[in-house]
Protein backbone atom coordinates (compact mmCIF):
# COMPACT_ATOMS: atom_id res chain seq x y z
CA UNK A 1 -1.03 -7.25 7.19
CA UNK A 2 -0.35 -4.99 10.03
CA UNK A 3 1.05 -1.71 9.26
CA UNK A 4 3.62 0.00 11.35
CA UNK A 5 3.40 3.58 12.50
CA UNK A 6 5.13 5.08 9.59
CA UNK A 7 3.10 3.13 7.12
CA UNK A 8 0.01 4.30 8.72
CA UNK A 9 0.97 7.83 8.57
CA UNK A 10 2.06 7.51 4.96
CA UNK A 11 -1.30 5.89 4.18
CA UNK A 12 -3.08 8.78 6.01
CA UNK A 13 -0.96 11.42 4.06
CA UNK A 14 -1.96 9.57 0.83
CA UNK A 15 -5.61 9.60 1.52
CA UNK A 16 -5.57 13.18 2.36
CA UNK A 17 -4.94 13.85 -1.43
CA UNK A 18 -6.53 10.64 -2.90
CA UNK A 19 -10.17 11.30 -1.30
CA UNK A 20 -10.78 14.56 -2.97
CA UNK A 21 -9.97 13.26 -6.04
CA UNK A 22 -12.10 10.37 -5.60
CA UNK A 23 -15.15 12.54 -4.76
CA UNK A 24 -14.58 14.58 -7.72
CA UNK A 25 -14.71 11.48 -9.91
CA UNK A 26 -17.98 10.38 -8.08
CA UNK A 27 -19.20 13.81 -8.83
CA UNK A 28 -18.43 13.44 -12.58
CA UNK A 29 -20.01 10.31 -12.77
CA UNK A 30 -23.15 11.65 -11.09
CA UNK A 31 -23.08 14.43 -13.44
CA UNK A 32 -23.22 12.01 -16.62
CA UNK A 33 -19.57 12.33 -17.51
CA UNK A 34 -18.97 8.45 -16.75
CA UNK A 35 -15.94 8.01 -18.88
CA UNK A 36 -14.03 10.90 -17.17
CA UNK A 37 -15.35 10.05 -13.62
CA UNK A 38 -14.62 6.40 -13.72
CA UNK A 39 -10.88 7.49 -15.29
CA UNK A 40 -10.55 9.89 -12.01
CA UNK A 41 -11.76 7.30 -9.77
CA UNK A 42 -9.08 4.75 -10.98
CA UNK A 43 -6.37 7.56 -10.60
CA UNK A 44 -7.58 8.00 -6.93
CA UNK A 45 -7.33 4.20 -6.57
CA UNK A 46 -3.90 4.00 -8.08
CA UNK A 47 -2.84 6.92 -5.69
CA UNK A 48 -3.49 4.54 -2.73
CA UNK A 49 -2.26 1.26 -4.27
CA UNK A 50 0.78 2.02 -6.07
CA UNK A 51 2.93 3.28 -3.33
CA UNK A 52 2.39 0.20 -1.37
CA UNK A 53 2.98 -2.10 -4.34
CA UNK A 54 5.98 -0.64 -6.04
CA UNK A 55 9.33 -0.47 -4.71
CA UNK A 56 11.23 2.55 -4.32
CA UNK A 57 15.02 3.27 -4.12
CA UNK A 58 14.45 3.87 -0.26
CA UNK A 59 12.87 0.57 0.11
CA UNK A 60 15.93 -1.48 -1.50
CA UNK A 61 18.12 -1.69 1.63
CA UNK A 62 15.32 -2.82 3.92
CA UNK A 63 14.07 -5.51 1.45
CA UNK A 64 17.59 -6.84 1.13
CA UNK A 65 18.23 -6.88 4.59
CA UNK A 66 14.83 -8.49 5.18
CA UNK A 67 15.85 -11.24 2.91
CA UNK A 68 19.38 -11.77 4.36
CA UNK A 69 18.01 -12.06 7.89
CA UNK A 70 15.28 -14.42 6.76
CA UNK A 71 18.08 -16.74 5.01
CA UNK A 72 20.25 -16.64 8.05
CA UNK A 73 17.94 -16.90 10.75
CA UNK A 74 15.24 -19.72 10.64
CA UNK A 75 12.18 -20.07 12.47
CA UNK A 76 12.24 -22.21 15.50
CA UNK A 77 10.30 -25.66 14.86
CA UNK A 78 8.57 -27.54 17.60
CA UNK A 79 10.11 -30.95 18.35
CA UNK A 80 8.28 -33.75 19.70
CA UNK A 81 10.48 -33.75 22.77
CA UNK A 82 9.14 -30.35 24.08
CA UNK A 83 5.64 -31.66 24.67
């Protein structure tokens, strides 16, 4: 799945905040605080995954338009006459 320019910028901004959290989680695991470290790592992973998977109110008009266009415009099919 290819990301657009704005999606790439959003992912980069998310990673700016998620990577230090992940590093802190790894440090806690290395220091012997396994439960805390794994919990913090889970939070860091969720910081990256949830914004991509959840639909926000800003995304609703785009998804509705995408479904409407998809139902009106059909993909061209290749006919045997074209060969």
